PDB file of N, CA and C in Angstrom:
ATOM      1  N   TRP A   1       7.048 -18.908 -20.901  1.00  0.00           N
ATOM      2  CA  TRP A   1       6.633 -17.569 -20.520  1.00  0.00           C
ATOM      3  C   TRP A   1       7.845 -16.663 -20.604  1.00  0.00           C
ATOM      4  N   GLY A   2       7.790 -15.656 -21.439  1.00  0.00           N
ATOM      5  CA  GLY A   2       8.965 -14.839 -21.669  1.00  0.00           C
ATOM      6  C   GLY A   2       8.858 -13.399 -21.209  1.00  0.00           C
ATOM      7  N   LEU A   3       7.885 -13.076 -20.372  1.00  0.00           N
ATOM      8  CA  LEU A   3       7.716 -11.679 -19.974  1.00  0.00           C
ATOM      9  C   LEU A   3       8.564 -11.268 -18.779  1.00  0.00           C
ATOM     10  N   GLY A   4       9.149 -12.214 -18.125  1.00  0.00           N
ATOM     11  CA  GLY A   4       9.962 -11.879 -16.965  1.00  0.00           C
ATOM     12  C   GLY A   4      11.200 -12.730 -16.907  1.00  0.00           C
ATOM     13  N   PRO A   5      12.045 -12.485 -15.911  1.00  0.00           N
ATOM     14  CA  PRO A   5      13.277 -13.249 -15.795  1.00  0.00           C
ATOM     15  C   PRO A   5      13.042 -14.713 -15.407  1.00  0.00           C
ATOM     16  N   LYS A   6      11.885 -14.985 -14.827  1.00  0.00           N
ATOM     17  CA  LYS A   6      11.556 -16.359 -14.449  1.00  0.00           C
ATOM     18  C   LYS A   6      10.936 -17.077 -15.644  1.00  0.00           C
ATOM     19  N   SER A   7      11.045 -18.367 -15.673  1.00  0.00           N
ATOM     20  CA  SER A   7      10.518 -19.122 -16.817  1.00  0.00           C
ATOM     21  C   SER A   7       9.075 -19.562 -16.616  1.00  0.00           C
ATOM     22  N   TYR A   8       8.403 -19.023 -15.604  1.00  0.00           N
ATOM     23  CA  TYR A   8       7.010 -19.388 -15.374  1.00  0.00           C
ATOM     24  C   TYR A   8       6.159 -18.128 -15.188  1.00  0.00           C
ATOM     25  N   PHE A   9       4.862 -18.286 -15.337  1.00  0.00           N
ATOM     26  CA  PHE A   9       3.912 -17.184 -15.271  1.00  0.00           C
ATOM     27  C   PHE A   9       3.825 -16.622 -13.857  1.00  0.00           C
ATOM     28  N   THR A  10       3.871 -15.297 -13.749  1.00  0.00           N
ATOM     29  CA  THR A  10       3.564 -14.615 -12.493  1.00  0.00           C
ATOM     30  C   THR A  10       2.689 -13.413 -12.816  1.00  0.00           C
ATOM     31  N   THR A  11       1.802 -13.060 -11.907  1.00  0.00           N
ATOM     32  CA  THR A  11       0.972 -11.878 -12.123  1.00  0.00           C
ATOM     33  C   THR A  11       1.830 -10.621 -12.111  1.00  0.00           C
ATOM     34  N   ARG A  12       2.915 -10.629 -11.353  1.00  0.00           N
ATOM     35  CA  ARG A  12       3.812  -9.483 -11.311  1.00  0.00           C
ATOM     36  C   ARG A  12       4.428  -9.217 -12.689  1.00  0.00           C
ATOM     37  N   SER A  13       4.817 -10.276 -13.404  1.00  0.00           N
ATOM     38  CA  SER A  13       5.421 -10.083 -14.721  1.00  0.00           C
ATOM     39  C   SER A  13       4.397  -9.530 -15.719  1.00  0.00           C
ATOM     40  N   VAL A  14       3.146  -9.969 -15.634  1.00  0.00           N
ATOM     41  CA  VAL A  14       2.105  -9.444 -16.521  1.00  0.00           C
ATOM     42  C   VAL A  14       1.835  -7.979 -16.191  1.00  0.00           C
ATOM     43  N   TYR A  15       1.736  -7.658 -14.908  1.00  0.00           N
ATOM     44  CA  TYR A  15       1.503  -6.283 -14.477  1.00  0.00           C
ATOM     45  C   TYR A  15       2.625  -5.374 -14.971  1.00  0.00           C
ATOM     46  N   ALA A  16       3.859  -5.802 -14.803  1.00  0.00           N
ATOM     47  CA  ALA A  16       5.009  -5.019 -15.263  1.00  0.00           C
ATOM     48  C   ALA A  16       4.973  -4.854 -16.786  1.00  0.00           C
ATOM     49  N   PHE A  17       4.594  -5.904 -17.502  1.00  0.00           N
ATOM     50  CA  PHE A  17       4.505  -5.839 -18.963  1.00  0.00           C
ATOM     51  C   PHE A  17       3.436  -4.843 -19.405  1.00  0.00           C
ATOM     52  N   LEU A  18       2.275  -4.865 -18.761  1.00  0.00           N
ATOM     53  CA  LEU A  18       1.179  -3.980 -19.147  1.00  0.00           C
ATOM     54  C   LEU A  18       1.476  -2.522 -18.821  1.00  0.00           C
ATOM     55  N   GLU A  19       2.269  -2.269 -17.795  1.00  0.00           N
ATOM     56  CA  GLU A  19       2.551  -0.899 -17.386  1.00  0.00           C
ATOM     57  C   GLU A  19       3.915  -0.388 -17.843  1.00  0.00           C
ATOM     58  N   ARG A  20       4.587  -1.089 -18.721  1.00  0.00           N
ATOM     59  CA  ARG A  20       5.944  -0.716 -19.110  1.00  0.00           C
ATOM     60  C   ARG A  20       6.026   0.622 -19.816  1.00  0.00           C
ATOM     61  N   HIS A  21       4.952   1.060 -20.493  1.00  0.00           N
ATOM     62  CA  HIS A  21       4.983   2.320 -21.225  1.00  0.00           C
ATOM     63  C   HIS A  21       4.265   3.451 -20.492  1.00  0.00           C
ATOM     64  N   ILE A  22       3.718   3.168 -19.333  1.00  0.00           N
ATOM     65  CA  ILE A  22       2.980   4.184 -18.587  1.00  0.00           C
ATOM     66  C   ILE A  22       3.968   5.067 -17.838  1.00  0.00           C
ATOM     67  N   VAL A  23       3.820   6.353 -18.013  1.00  0.00           N
ATOM     68  CA  VAL A  23       4.677   7.320 -17.326  1.00  0.00           C
ATOM     69  C   VAL A  23       3.822   8.053 -16.309  1.00  0.00           C
ATOM     70  N   GLY A  24       4.327   8.224 -15.127  1.00  0.00           N
ATOM     71  CA  GLY A  24       3.582   8.948 -14.113  1.00  0.00           C
ATOM     72  C   GLY A  24       4.038   8.565 -12.723  1.00  0.00           C
ATOM     73  N   CYS A  25       3.179   8.793 -11.792  1.00  0.00           N
ATOM     74  CA  CYS A  25       3.488   8.548 -10.388  1.00  0.00           C
ATOM     75  C   CYS A  25       3.663   7.058 -10.122  1.00  0.00           C
ATOM     76  N   ASN A  26       4.591   6.745  -9.234  1.00  0.00           N
ATOM     77  CA  ASN A  26       4.816   5.368  -8.810  1.00  0.00           C
ATOM     78  C   ASN A  26       4.011   5.141  -7.534  1.00  0.00           C
ATOM     79  N   TYR A  27       3.089   4.221  -7.572  1.00  0.00           N
ATOM     80  CA  TYR A  27       2.190   3.985  -6.445  1.00  0.00           C
ATOM     81  C   TYR A  27       2.627   2.834  -5.550  1.00  0.00           C
ATOM     82  N   ASN A  28       3.869   2.391  -5.682  1.00  0.00           N
ATOM     83  CA  ASN A  28       4.347   1.295  -4.842  1.00  0.00           C
ATOM     84  C   ASN A  28       4.261   1.632  -3.361  1.00  0.00           C
ATOM     85  N   TRP A  29       4.409   2.898  -3.020  1.00  0.00           N
ATOM     86  CA  TRP A  29       4.340   3.281  -1.613  1.00  0.00           C
ATOM     87  C   TRP A  29       2.953   2.978  -1.030  1.00  0.00           C
ATOM     88  N   ILE A  30       1.927   3.022  -1.864  1.00  0.00           N
ATOM     89  CA  ILE A  30       0.577   2.673  -1.395  1.00  0.00           C
ATOM     90  C   ILE A  30       0.450   1.162  -1.256  1.00  0.00           C
ATOM     91  N   TRP A  31       0.855   0.425  -2.294  1.00  0.00           N
ATOM     92  CA  TRP A  31       0.637  -1.022  -2.303  1.00  0.00           C
ATOM     93  C   TRP A  31       1.540  -1.758  -1.322  1.00  0.00           C
ATOM     94  N   ARG A  32       2.656  -1.174  -0.951  1.00  0.00           N
ATOM     95  CA  ARG A  32       3.567  -1.827   0.000  1.00  0.00           C
ATOM     96  C   ARG A  32       3.338  -1.391   1.441  1.00  0.00           C
ATOM     97  N   ALA A  33       2.430  -0.467   1.659  1.00  0.00           N
ATOM     98  CA  ALA A  33       2.153   0.020   3.012  1.00  0.00           C
ATOM     99  C   ALA A  33       1.456  -1.075   3.820  1.00  0.00           C
ATOM    100  N   SER A  34       1.734  -1.094   5.095  1.00  0.00           N
ATOM    101  CA  SER A  34       1.123  -2.085   5.991  1.00  0.00           C
ATOM    102  C   SER A  34      -0.211  -1.556   6.506  1.00  0.00           C
ATOM    103  N   ILE A  35      -1.158  -1.414   5.592  1.00  0.00           N
ATOM    104  CA  ILE A  35      -2.504  -0.949   5.917  1.00  0.00           C
ATOM    105  C   ILE A  35      -3.504  -1.863   5.220  1.00  0.00           C
ATOM    106  N   PRO A  36      -4.753  -1.868   5.674  1.00  0.00           N
ATOM    107  CA  PRO A  36      -5.756  -2.738   5.052  1.00  0.00           C
ATOM    108  C   PRO A  36      -5.933  -2.434   3.559  1.00  0.00           C
ATOM    109  N   LEU A  37      -6.252  -3.456   2.791  1.00  0.00           N
ATOM    110  CA  LEU A  37      -6.414  -3.340   1.347  1.00  0.00           C
ATOM    111  C   LEU A  37      -7.440  -2.278   0.974  1.00  0.00           C
ATOM    112  N   LYS A  38      -8.560  -2.209   1.693  1.00  0.00           N
ATOM    113  CA  LYS A  38      -9.586  -1.229   1.337  1.00  0.00           C
ATOM    114  C   LYS A  38      -9.074   0.198   1.511  1.00  0.00           C
ATOM    115  N   ILE A  39      -8.156   0.426   2.450  1.00  0.00           N
ATOM    116  CA  ILE A  39      -7.552   1.743   2.618  1.00  0.00           C
ATOM    117  C   ILE A  39      -6.570   2.012   1.483  1.00  0.00           C
ATOM    118  N   GLN A  40      -5.809   0.986   1.081  1.00  0.00           N
ATOM    119  CA  GLN A  40      -4.892   1.137  -0.050  1.00  0.00           C
ATOM    120  C   GLN A  40      -5.655   1.523  -1.314  1.00  0.00           C
ATOM    121  N   ILE A  41      -6.748   0.830  -1.562  1.00  0.00           N
ATOM    122  CA  ILE A  41      -7.557   1.112  -2.752  1.00  0.00           C
ATOM    123  C   ILE A  41      -8.124   2.524  -2.692  1.00  0.00           C
ATOM    124  N   PHE A  42      -8.617   2.927  -1.519  1.00  0.00           N
ATOM    125  CA  PHE A  42      -9.142   4.277  -1.363  1.00  0.00           C
ATOM    126  C   PHE A  42      -8.051   5.316  -1.614  1.00  0.00           C
ATOM    127  N   MET A  43      -6.855   5.102  -1.073  1.00  0.00           N
ATOM    128  CA  MET A  43      -5.753   6.043  -1.275  1.00  0.00           C
ATOM    129  C   MET A  43      -5.359   6.121  -2.749  1.00  0.00           C
ATOM    130  N   TRP A  44      -5.353   4.978  -3.432  1.00  0.00           N
ATOM    131  CA  TRP A  44      -5.027   4.960  -4.853  1.00  0.00           C
ATOM    132  C   TRP A  44      -6.069   5.736  -5.651  1.00  0.00           C
ATOM    133  N   GLN A  45      -7.351   5.500  -5.332  1.00  0.00           N
ATOM    134  CA  GLN A  45      -8.422   6.219  -6.026  1.00  0.00           C
ATOM    135  C   GLN A  45      -8.336   7.720  -5.739  1.00  0.00           C
ATOM    136  N   LEU A  46      -8.043   8.071  -4.513  1.00  0.00           N
ATOM    137  CA  LEU A  46      -7.917   9.476  -4.135  1.00  0.00           C
ATOM    138  C   LEU A  46      -6.793  10.144  -4.916  1.00  0.00           C
ATOM    139  N   SER A  47      -5.682   9.453  -5.060  1.00  0.00           N
ATOM    140  CA  SER A  47      -4.548  10.024  -5.790  1.00  0.00           C
ATOM    141  C   SER A  47      -4.822  10.113  -7.296  1.00  0.00           C
ATOM    142  N   GLN A  48      -5.774   9.348  -7.792  1.00  0.00           N
ATOM    143  CA  GLN A  48      -6.140   9.364  -9.210  1.00  0.00           C
ATOM    144  C   GLN A  48      -7.304  10.311  -9.500  1.00  0.00           C
ATOM    145  N   ASN A  49      -7.767  11.033  -8.474  1.00  0.00           N
ATOM    146  CA  ASN A  49      -8.961  11.880  -8.604  1.00  0.00           C
ATOM    147  C   ASN A  49     -10.146  11.055  -9.098  1.00  0.00           C
ATOM    148  N   ALA A  50     -10.258   9.859  -8.557  1.00  0.00           N
ATOM    149  CA  ALA A  50     -11.310   8.940  -8.980  1.00  0.00           C
ATOM    150  C   ALA A  50     -12.664   9.381  -8.437  1.00  0.00           C
ATOM    151  N   LYS A  51     -13.700   8.928  -9.107  1.00  0.00           N
ATOM    152  CA  LYS A  51     -15.055   9.225  -8.662  1.00  0.00           C
ATOM    153  C   LYS A  51     -15.565   8.100  -7.786  1.00  0.00           C
ATOM    154  N   CYS A  52     -16.387   8.464  -6.834  1.00  0.00           N
ATOM    155  CA  CYS A  52     -16.999   7.488  -5.929  1.00  0.00           C
ATOM    156  C   CYS A  52     -17.914   6.564  -6.723  1.00  0.00           C
ATOM    157  N   SER A  53     -17.827   5.256  -6.455  1.00  0.00           N
ATOM    158  CA  SER A  53     -18.673   4.313  -7.181  1.00  0.00           C
ATOM    159  C   SER A  53     -20.141   4.394  -6.779  1.00  0.00           C
ATOM    160  N   PHE A  54     -20.412   5.019  -5.642  1.00  0.00           N
ATOM    161  CA  PHE A  54     -21.788   5.068  -5.148  1.00  0.00           C
ATOM    162  C   PHE A  54     -22.522   6.339  -5.577  1.00  0.00           C
ATOM    163  N   CYS A  55     -21.811   7.496  -5.557  1.00  0.00           N
ATOM    164  CA  CYS A  55     -22.532   8.742  -5.834  1.00  0.00           C
ATOM    165  C   CYS A  55     -21.964   9.530  -7.011  1.00  0.00           C
ATOM    166  N   ALA A  56     -20.927   9.040  -7.683  1.00  0.00           N
ATOM    167  CA  ALA A  56     -20.303   9.678  -8.847  1.00  0.00           C
ATOM    168  C   ALA A  56     -19.638  11.017  -8.530  1.00  0.00           C
ATOM    169  N   ALA A  57     -19.427  11.314  -7.242  1.00  0.00           N
ATOM    170  CA  ALA A  57     -18.698  12.532  -6.866  1.00  0.00           C
ATOM    171  C   ALA A  57     -17.219  12.193  -6.728  1.00  0.00           C
ATOM    172  N   LYS A  58     -16.332  13.190  -6.862  1.00  0.00           N
ATOM    173  CA  LYS A  58     -14.914  12.941  -6.700  1.00  0.00           C
ATOM    174  C   LYS A  58     -14.624  12.554  -5.258  1.00  0.00           C
ATOM    175  N   GLU A  59     -13.687  11.611  -5.078  1.00  0.00           N
ATOM    176  CA  GLU A  59     -13.290  11.167  -3.746  1.00  0.00           C
ATOM    177  C   GLU A  59     -12.609  12.313  -3.015  1.00  0.00           C
ATOM    178  N   THR A  60     -12.885  12.435  -1.746  1.00  0.00           N
ATOM    179  CA  THR A  60     -12.230  13.416  -0.894  1.00  0.00           C
ATOM    180  C   THR A  60     -11.777  12.741   0.379  1.00  0.00           C
ATOM    181  N   SER A  61     -10.840  13.357   1.040  1.00  0.00           N
ATOM    182  CA  SER A  61     -10.324  12.729   2.271  1.00  0.00           C
ATOM    183  C   SER A  61     -11.202  13.021   3.459  1.00  0.00           C
TER     184      SER A  61
END
């Protein structure tokens, strides 16, 4: 496995490889926060102007 400094597969190395050319906001502050996962996902969707999966309206706080 040659995508990271380690010689074995990690999901982190694949994630870093897939996002290496993406330019934009760094969302590590959301994923590293000590809050429930469903809140992290909601905050990420909110910051992306994502649409609600239930009603197709934009997410609001």
